[in-house]
Amino acid sequence: MLIDNKSIAIVGGGPAGLTLARLLQLKGADVKVYERDFNKNARVQGSPLDMHEDSGLEAIRKAGLLDEFKKSFRPGADRALIVNEKAEIFFSDHETKPEEDFGYEHFRPEIDRGPLRNMLLDSLQPETVVWDSHFTSMEPQDEGWILHFKNGTSAYADLVIAGDGANSKIRPYLTDIKPVYSGVIMLEGNVSKQEAPHIDALVKGGKIMAFGNSQNILLGQKGNGDIGFYASFKADENWPTASGLNFSDNTQMLKWFKTEYSEWSSVWEELFENAVTPFIPRLIYYMPFDQTWETRPNLTLIGDAAHVMPPFAGEGANMAMLDALELSEHLTDNHYNTLCEAISSYEQKMRERAAIATRESLENGERMHSETALATMIEFFTTHPD
């Protein structure tokens, strides 16, 4: 096997990095995951993820974790409402969505990020994850790399795999191609169901997509009852600073919402009035469709480090976990003569399918932020009930 007697460093303990570590350990590889979080409880995990049959779920299946996944996913969390800015319901599949199960092509079970991460962490060998390892730099040594971390420690690896997200610090060692701003900002908030009773009564454990005036509010209920939400709108790339907003001030954020979403019902105001602060402005980026780079035998990318995925098609985590699956198969496939050949084949296929998924997601984003978004999304959901 090409990675026999090779030490592998995966930088980043997200779904992609942890899935890859699990898959490689099943093949007997020597793997460490370097994660900047102080420990597994250091960060509040974000909105739920829906797993797709031929990507995220396939990776989970190949990792031997489907039975564990079934214990943690949330039946019914994929049910959706489409409403207008007045919170009037135009589409609901709460009563009509067919019963689906694993193996069904269009089944997209939802799981909170925390339980997914814990499931993957628990599947790894002891001490695989090296916590409090915030990557700062690396330089070549022998045939591999010496990695340096913010806490003053260093580590050697024959092969480095960057799974450190959209703002990857490792990507520049491989390519200088930078992400492109999509024109959309998603302002993220989180509120307890007790603080948003009207929205809680409306969402019923599922998700809501609200469209009006070329703006969106997208939200979903987490396993603990909290409601994660995004106010999604088009704005200049410098909006977070140019707006002058204090994202830790609920009063100011409520005033902003009432001004900028002036045609929207007051029912939405409880989200902004009672959200846990700070709000987080997330600028949506994507990678050029034709990106390429020269393959190296000791360095490659997975997930958002390779292809920042806009969130408008639910493909981000799924593409990242498929990266992990495909890279693990390439690295352990005796068909390839060298690591460089195996990595090159993986990267070419990864870039091709990522470009397709990115284009689809951007097209969905344009539809969702158009003047006809409500009608367009209703038509889509009624003609594509699966």
Protein backbone atom coordinates (compact mmCIF):
# COMPACT_ATOMS: atom_id res chain seq x y z
CA MET A 1 0.00 0.00 0.00
CA LEU A 2 1.34 3.44 -0.96
CA ILE A 3 0.93 4.81 2.55
CA ASP A 4 2.62 1.92 4.33
CA ASN A 5 5.20 3.29 6.77
CA LYS A 6 4.00 6.83 6.04
CA SER A 7 2.90 9.25 8.73
CA ILE A 8 -0.21 11.22 7.73
CA ALA A 9 -1.26 14.55 9.23
CA ILE A 10 -4.84 15.73 8.70
CA VAL A 11 -5.19 19.38 9.68
CA GLY A 12 -8.75 20.13 10.76
CA GLY A 13 -11.19 18.02 12.76
CA GLY A 14 -14.39 18.72 10.86
CA PRO A 15 -16.58 16.08 9.18
CA ALA A 16 -14.14 15.65 6.29
CA GLY A 17 -10.99 15.33 8.38
CA LEU A 18 -12.50 12.96 10.93
CA THR A 19 -14.14 10.81 8.25
CA LEU A 20 -10.84 10.53 6.41
CA ALA A 21 -9.00 9.58 9.61
CA ARG A 22 -11.53 6.83 10.31
CA LEU A 23 -11.37 5.45 6.77
CA LEU A 24 -7.57 5.44 6.73
CA GLN A 25 -7.33 3.80 10.16
CA LEU A 26 -9.55 1.00 8.89
CA LYS A 27 -6.79 0.38 6.34
CA GLY A 28 -4.09 0.40 9.02
CA ALA A 29 -2.67 3.84 8.28
CA ASP A 30 -0.67 5.96 10.73
CA VAL A 31 -2.87 9.07 11.10
CA LYS A 32 -3.01 12.11 13.36
CA VAL A 33 -5.67 14.82 13.26
CA TYR A 34 -4.49 18.27 14.35
CA GLU A 35 -7.43 20.37 15.53
CA ARG A 36 -7.27 23.96 16.77
CA ASP A 37 -10.14 23.55 19.31
CA PHE A 38 -8.94 23.13 22.89
CA ASN A 39 -11.11 20.01 23.25
CA LYS A 40 -14.20 18.48 21.67
CA ASN A 41 -16.52 20.65 23.77
CA ALA A 42 -14.81 23.96 23.00
CA ARG A 43 -17.18 25.10 20.28
CA VAL A 44 -20.95 25.28 19.88
CA GLN A 45 -21.75 23.27 16.78
CA GLY A 46 -23.81 24.93 14.04
CA SER A 47 -26.96 24.10 12.12
CA PRO A 48 -27.99 20.51 11.33
CA LEU A 49 -26.70 18.75 8.22
CA ASP A 50 -28.65 16.62 5.78
CA MET A 51 -26.73 13.60 4.55
CA HIS A 52 -27.08 12.51 0.91
CA GLU A 53 -27.22 8.90 -0.20
CA ASP A 54 -24.34 8.92 -2.68
CA SER A 55 -21.94 11.15 -0.75
CA GLY A 56 -22.21 11.78 3.00
CA LEU A 57 -24.14 8.60 3.74
CA GLU A 58 -21.90 6.54 1.47
CA ALA A 59 -18.85 7.76 3.40
CA ILE A 60 -20.54 6.90 6.69
CA ARG A 61 -21.44 3.48 5.34
CA LYS A 62 -17.89 2.75 4.16
CA ALA A 63 -16.61 3.93 7.55
CA GLY A 64 -18.73 1.23 9.19
CA LEU A 65 -20.76 3.79 11.12
CA LEU A 66 -24.24 3.57 9.63
CA ASP A 67 -25.69 1.81 12.68
CA GLU A 68 -24.25 4.51 14.96
CA PHE A 69 -25.57 7.19 12.63
CA LYS A 70 -29.07 5.72 12.87
CA LYS A 71 -28.93 6.22 16.65
CA SER A 72 -28.20 9.94 16.32
CA PHE A 73 -30.07 11.25 13.28
CA ARG A 74 -33.32 13.15 13.73
CA PRO A 75 -36.35 11.62 11.97
CA GLY A 76 -38.67 14.33 10.69
CA ALA A 77 -36.09 17.11 10.85
CA ASP A 78 -36.00 17.19 7.05
CA ARG A 79 -39.63 18.30 6.83
CA ALA A 80 -39.99 21.80 5.48
CA LEU A 81 -42.24 24.81 5.19
CA ILE A 82 -42.00 27.50 2.53
CA VAL A 83 -43.51 30.78 3.65
CA ASN A 84 -43.57 34.40 2.53
CA GLU A 85 -42.34 37.44 4.43
CA LYS A 86 -45.64 37.51 6.36
CA ALA A 87 -45.04 33.93 7.57
CA GLU A 88 -47.99 32.70 5.49
CA ILE A 89 -47.50 29.06 4.53
CA PHE A 90 -47.40 28.29 0.80
CA PHE A 91 -45.90 24.80 0.98
CA SER A 92 -45.65 22.17 3.69
CA ASP A 93 -44.63 18.54 3.49
CA HIS A 94 -45.22 17.86 7.19
CA GLU A 95 -48.30 15.80 6.40
CA THR A 96 -47.52 14.68 2.85
CA LYS A 97 -43.83 13.74 2.86
CA PRO A 98 -43.61 10.01 2.13
CA GLU A 99 -42.03 7.69 4.65
CA GLU A 100 -38.43 7.17 3.55
CA ASP A 101 -35.64 5.04 4.88
CA PHE A 102 -31.96 4.36 4.41
CA GLY A 103 -31.17 3.14 0.92
CA TYR A 104 -33.93 5.25 -0.64
CA GLU A 105 -32.31 7.44 -3.30
CA HIS A 106 -33.77 10.75 -2.13
CA PHE A 107 -33.65 10.15 1.63
CA ARG A 108 -31.70 12.94 3.29
CA PRO A 109 -31.64 12.27 7.04
CA GLU A 110 -30.72 15.23 9.24
CA ILE A 111 -28.16 15.10 12.03
CA ASP A 112 -26.88 17.83 14.32
CA ARG A 113 -23.21 18.67 13.83
CA GLY A 114 -22.35 17.85 17.44
CA PRO A 115 -23.60 14.25 17.40
CA LEU A 116 -22.03 13.69 13.97
CA ARG A 117 -18.68 14.94 15.22
CA ASN A 118 -18.89 12.87 18.41
CA MET A 119 -19.76 9.74 16.43
CA LEU A 120 -16.70 10.22 14.25
CA LEU A 121 -14.44 11.06 17.21
CA ASP A 122 -15.56 7.97 19.11
CA SER A 123 -14.71 5.79 16.10
CA LEU A 124 -11.04 6.80 16.08
CA GLN A 125 -8.19 5.14 17.91
CA PRO A 126 -7.20 6.78 21.22
CA GLU A 127 -5.11 9.95 20.90
CA THR A 128 -5.69 10.23 17.15
CA VAL A 129 -6.85 13.83 17.59
CA VAL A 130 -4.24 16.25 18.87
CA TRP A 131 -6.28 19.09 20.39
CA ASP A 132 -5.15 22.69 20.83
CA SER A 133 -3.14 22.43 17.59
CA HIS A 134 -3.79 25.69 15.75
CA PHE A 135 -1.74 25.43 12.55
CA THR A 136 0.51 28.42 11.82
CA SER A 137 3.08 27.32 9.23
CA MET A 138 5.06 24.44 7.77
CA GLU A 139 8.22 23.83 5.78
CA PRO A 140 9.59 20.91 3.77
CA GLN A 141 11.72 18.35 5.57
CA ASP A 142 13.07 15.19 3.94
CA GLU A 143 10.19 13.97 1.76
CA GLY A 144 7.50 15.45 4.01
CA TRP A 145 6.72 18.48 6.14
CA ILE A 146 7.35 19.92 9.59
CA LEU A 147 4.14 21.51 10.85
CA HIS A 148 4.15 24.28 13.46
CA PHE A 149 1.32 25.18 15.80
CA LYS A 150 0.35 28.25 17.79
CA ASN A 151 1.02 26.53 21.12
CA GLY A 152 4.70 26.17 20.21
CA THR A 153 4.67 22.48 19.28
CA SER A 154 5.73 20.97 15.96
CA ALA A 155 5.17 17.64 14.22
CA TYR A 156 6.51 15.82 11.18
CA ALA A 157 4.36 14.10 8.55
CA ASP A 158 5.18 12.37 5.27
CA LEU A 159 1.79 13.44 3.89
CA VAL A 160 -0.24 16.49 4.91
CA ILE A 161 -3.95 16.71 4.11
CA ALA A 162 -5.64 20.09 4.59
CA GLY A 163 -9.14 19.87 5.98
CA ASP A 164 -8.97 23.26 7.67
CA GLY A 165 -11.93 24.89 5.98
CA ALA A 166 -12.67 27.84 3.77
CA ASN A 167 -9.94 29.99 5.31
CA SER A 168 -7.36 27.25 5.01
CA LYS A 169 -3.83 28.25 5.99
CA ILE A 170 -2.43 25.22 4.19
CA ARG A 171 -4.04 25.80 0.77
CA PRO A 172 -1.51 28.57 -0.14
CA TYR A 173 1.29 25.98 0.04
CA LEU A 174 -0.36 24.25 -2.92
CA THR A 175 -2.08 27.01 -4.93
CA ASP A 176 -2.51 30.78 -4.92
CA ILE A 177 -6.02 30.57 -6.41
CA LYS A 178 -8.36 32.44 -4.08
CA PRO A 179 -12.13 32.11 -3.52
CA VAL A 180 -14.57 34.45 -5.26
CA TYR A 181 -17.27 36.37 -3.40
CA SER A 182 -20.76 35.32 -4.49
CA GLY A 183 -22.49 38.57 -3.53
CA VAL A 184 -24.52 36.94 -0.75
CA ILE A 185 -24.17 37.34 3.02
CA MET A 186 -25.86 35.02 5.50
CA LEU A 187 -26.22 36.60 8.93
CA GLU A 188 -26.23 33.71 11.40
CA GLY A 189 -28.07 33.70 14.69
CA ASN A 190 -29.25 31.22 17.29
CA VAL A 191 -32.18 31.48 19.69
CA SER A 192 -33.81 29.15 22.21
CA LYS A 193 -37.32 28.00 21.45
CA GLN A 194 -38.54 29.56 24.69
CA GLU A 195 -37.39 32.95 23.42
CA ALA A 196 -39.04 32.47 20.00
CA PRO A 197 -42.40 30.80 20.75
CA HIS A 198 -44.14 31.87 17.54
CA ILE A 199 -41.36 30.55 15.33
CA ASP A 200 -41.09 27.39 17.45
CA ALA A 201 -44.80 26.71 16.91
CA LEU A 202 -44.34 27.22 13.18
CA VAL A 203 -41.18 25.19 12.56
CA LYS A 204 -42.37 22.04 14.44
CA GLY A 205 -38.92 20.48 14.64
CA GLY A 206 -38.18 20.89 10.93
CA LYS A 207 -37.01 23.76 8.81
CA ILE A 208 -38.45 26.94 7.28
CA MET A 209 -37.53 28.81 4.12
CA ALA A 210 -39.00 32.30 4.00
CA PHE A 211 -38.79 34.44 0.86
CA GLY A 212 -39.72 38.04 0.25
CA ASN A 213 -38.33 41.17 -1.41
CA SER A 214 -35.27 39.25 -2.76
CA GLN A 215 -34.37 38.40 0.84
CA ASN A 216 -34.52 35.15 2.80
CA ILE A 217 -34.77 33.85 6.31
CA LEU A 218 -33.67 30.23 6.48
CA LEU A 219 -33.94 28.34 9.74
CA GLY A 220 -33.94 24.91 11.26
CA GLN A 221 -34.55 23.43 14.69
CA LYS A 222 -31.72 21.64 16.44
CA GLY A 223 -31.99 18.54 18.55
CA ASN A 224 -31.98 20.56 21.78
CA GLY A 225 -34.84 22.75 20.56
CA ASP A 226 -32.70 25.78 19.72
CA ILE A 227 -33.44 27.47 16.43
CA GLY A 228 -30.52 28.26 14.15
CA PHE A 229 -31.34 30.88 11.56
CA TYR A 230 -29.82 32.90 8.75
CA ALA A 231 -30.94 36.20 7.33
CA SER A 232 -29.70 35.87 3.76
CA PHE A 233 -29.36 38.83 1.41
CA LYS A 234 -27.19 40.39 -1.28
CA ALA A 235 -24.66 42.99 -0.16
CA ASP A 236 -21.18 44.31 -0.85
CA GLU A 237 -18.27 42.26 0.41
CA ASN A 238 -17.35 44.96 2.93
CA TRP A 239 -20.83 45.00 4.49
CA PRO A 240 -19.83 43.57 7.90
CA THR A 241 -17.63 46.59 8.58
CA ALA A 242 -19.36 49.19 6.38
CA SER A 243 -22.72 48.54 8.08
CA GLY A 244 -21.35 49.87 11.37
CA LEU A 245 -23.36 47.26 13.24
CA ASN A 246 -22.45 45.90 16.64
CA PHE A 247 -23.28 42.24 16.14
CA SER A 248 -23.38 41.72 19.92
CA ASP A 249 -26.18 44.27 20.43
CA ASN A 250 -29.65 42.74 20.09
CA THR A 251 -31.35 46.14 20.14
CA GLN A 252 -29.22 47.36 17.27
CA MET A 253 -29.68 44.13 15.30
CA LEU A 254 -33.45 44.25 15.76
CA LYS A 255 -33.49 47.83 14.50
CA TRP A 256 -31.43 46.76 11.49
CA PHE A 257 -33.85 43.95 10.71
CA LYS A 258 -36.91 46.19 10.99
CA THR A 259 -35.26 48.69 8.64
CA GLU A 260 -33.73 46.35 6.05
CA TYR A 261 -36.51 43.75 6.14
CA SER A 262 -39.17 46.45 6.38
CA GLU A 263 -41.79 44.47 4.47
CA TRP A 264 -41.46 41.47 6.76
CA SER A 265 -43.92 40.56 9.50
CA SER A 266 -43.17 41.32 13.14
CA VAL A 267 -43.38 37.56 13.82
CA TRP A 268 -39.72 37.31 12.79
CA GLU A 269 -38.59 39.98 15.23
CA GLU A 270 -38.33 37.59 18.18
CA LEU A 271 -35.39 35.94 16.40
CA PHE A 272 -33.33 39.13 16.42
CA GLU A 273 -34.56 40.48 19.72
CA ASN A 274 -33.70 37.34 21.67
CA ALA A 275 -30.83 35.70 19.79
CA VAL A 276 -27.67 34.68 21.59
CA THR A 277 -25.03 37.17 20.52
CA PRO A 278 -22.89 37.80 18.66
CA PHE A 279 -24.55 37.37 15.30
CA ILE A 280 -22.06 36.05 12.74
CA PRO A 281 -21.99 37.53 9.22
CA ARG A 282 -20.96 34.75 6.86
CA LEU A 283 -19.86 35.90 3.43
CA ILE A 284 -20.53 33.20 0.83
CA TYR A 285 -17.56 32.39 -1.38
CA TYR A 286 -16.84 29.82 -4.06
CA MET A 287 -13.82 28.59 -5.97
CA PRO A 288 -13.36 29.25 -9.71
CA PHE A 289 -14.87 26.42 -11.74
CA ASP A 290 -11.63 25.90 -13.67
CA GLN A 291 -9.21 25.92 -10.73
CA THR A 292 -6.23 23.61 -11.01
CA TRP A 293 -2.77 23.21 -9.52
CA GLU A 294 0.32 21.06 -9.83
CA THR A 295 -0.05 17.89 -7.81
CA ARG A 296 2.44 17.27 -5.03
CA PRO A 297 3.22 13.81 -3.60
CA ASN A 298 3.05 14.98 0.02
CA LEU A 299 0.20 17.50 0.19
CA THR A 300 -3.46 17.68 -0.83
CA LEU A 301 -6.80 19.24 0.11
CA ILE A 302 -10.27 18.10 1.12
CA GLY A 303 -13.55 19.87 1.84
CA ASP A 304 -13.83 23.65 1.89
CA ALA A 305 -10.03 23.94 1.79
CA ALA A 306 -10.28 22.50 -1.72
CA HIS A 307 -13.63 23.86 -2.91
CA VAL A 308 -15.57 26.36 -0.83
CA MET A 309 -19.15 25.22 -1.36
CA PRO A 310 -22.01 27.75 -1.27
CA PRO A 311 -24.79 26.40 0.99
CA PHE A 312 -27.72 26.68 -1.41
CA ALA A 313 -27.83 23.00 -2.39
CA GLY A 314 -26.89 21.33 0.91
CA GLU A 315 -23.74 19.89 -0.63
CA GLY A 316 -20.96 21.31 1.57
CA ALA A 317 -20.51 18.59 4.19
CA ASN A 318 -21.57 15.90 1.72
CA MET A 319 -18.93 16.88 -0.85
CA ALA A 320 -16.35 17.12 1.93
CA MET A 321 -17.11 13.64 3.23
CA LEU A 322 -17.08 12.28 -0.33
CA ASP A 323 -13.63 13.85 -0.70
CA ALA A 324 -12.55 11.88 2.35
CA LEU A 325 -13.95 8.65 0.95
CA GLU A 326 -12.43 9.06 -2.50
CA LEU A 327 -9.04 10.20 -1.20
CA SER A 328 -8.86 7.27 1.21
CA GLU A 329 -9.61 4.88 -1.66
CA HIS A 330 -6.98 6.46 -3.91
CA LEU A 331 -4.31 6.36 -1.21
CA THR A 332 -4.94 2.67 -0.50
CA ASP A 333 -5.44 1.49 -4.10
CA ASN A 334 -2.56 -0.64 -5.38
CA HIS A 335 -3.50 0.32 -8.93
CA TYR A 336 -1.40 3.48 -8.58
CA ASN A 337 2.38 3.29 -8.76
CA THR A 338 3.16 6.44 -6.76
CA LEU A 339 1.51 8.73 -4.23
CA CYS A 340 1.72 11.57 -6.73
CA GLU A 341 -0.23 9.51 -9.29
CA ALA A 342 -2.88 8.56 -6.72
CA ILE A 343 -3.29 12.12 -5.44
CA SER A 344 -3.41 13.54 -8.97
CA SER A 345 -6.25 11.19 -9.93
CA TYR A 346 -8.18 12.10 -6.76
CA GLU A 347 -7.68 15.85 -7.27
CA GLN A 348 -8.82 15.80 -10.89
CA LYS A 349 -12.04 13.93 -10.10
CA MET A 350 -12.65 16.03 -6.98
CA ARG A 351 -12.30 19.32 -8.84
CA GLU A 352 -14.61 18.20 -11.63
CA ARG A 353 -17.49 17.15 -9.39
CA ALA A 354 -16.98 20.10 -7.04
CA ALA A 355 -17.29 22.50 -9.99
CA ILE A 356 -20.60 20.91 -10.98
CA ALA A 357 -21.95 21.08 -7.43
CA THR A 358 -20.74 24.67 -7.00
CA ARG A 359 -22.43 25.81 -10.20
CA GLU A 360 -25.69 24.16 -9.15
CA SER A 361 -25.51 25.77 -5.72
CA LEU A 362 -24.84 29.24 -7.14
CA GLU A 363 -27.77 28.89 -9.54
CA ASN A 364 -30.00 27.94 -6.60
CA GLY A 365 -28.69 30.96 -4.71
CA GLU A 366 -29.68 33.27 -7.56
CA ARG A 367 -33.17 31.81 -7.61
CA MET A 368 -33.51 32.18 -3.85
CA HIS A 369 -32.54 35.87 -3.94
CA SER A 370 -34.60 36.87 -6.97
CA GLU A 371 -37.85 38.85 -6.97
CA THR A 372 -39.69 35.65 -7.93
CA ALA A 373 -37.98 33.47 -5.30
CA LEU A 374 -41.17 32.42 -3.53
CA ALA A 375 -42.94 31.24 -6.68
CA THR A 376 -39.79 29.60 -8.01
CA MET A 377 -39.12 27.62 -4.84
CA ILE A 378 -42.76 26.56 -4.48
CA GLU A 379 -42.71 25.26 -8.04
CA PHE A 380 -39.47 23.41 -7.40
CA PHE A 381 -40.70 21.69 -4.25
CA THR A 382 -44.08 20.77 -5.72
CA THR A 383 -42.58 19.32 -8.90
CA HIS A 384 -39.67 17.63 -7.08
CA PRO A 385 -41.40 16.24 -3.97
CA ASP A 386 -38.42 14.00 -3.23
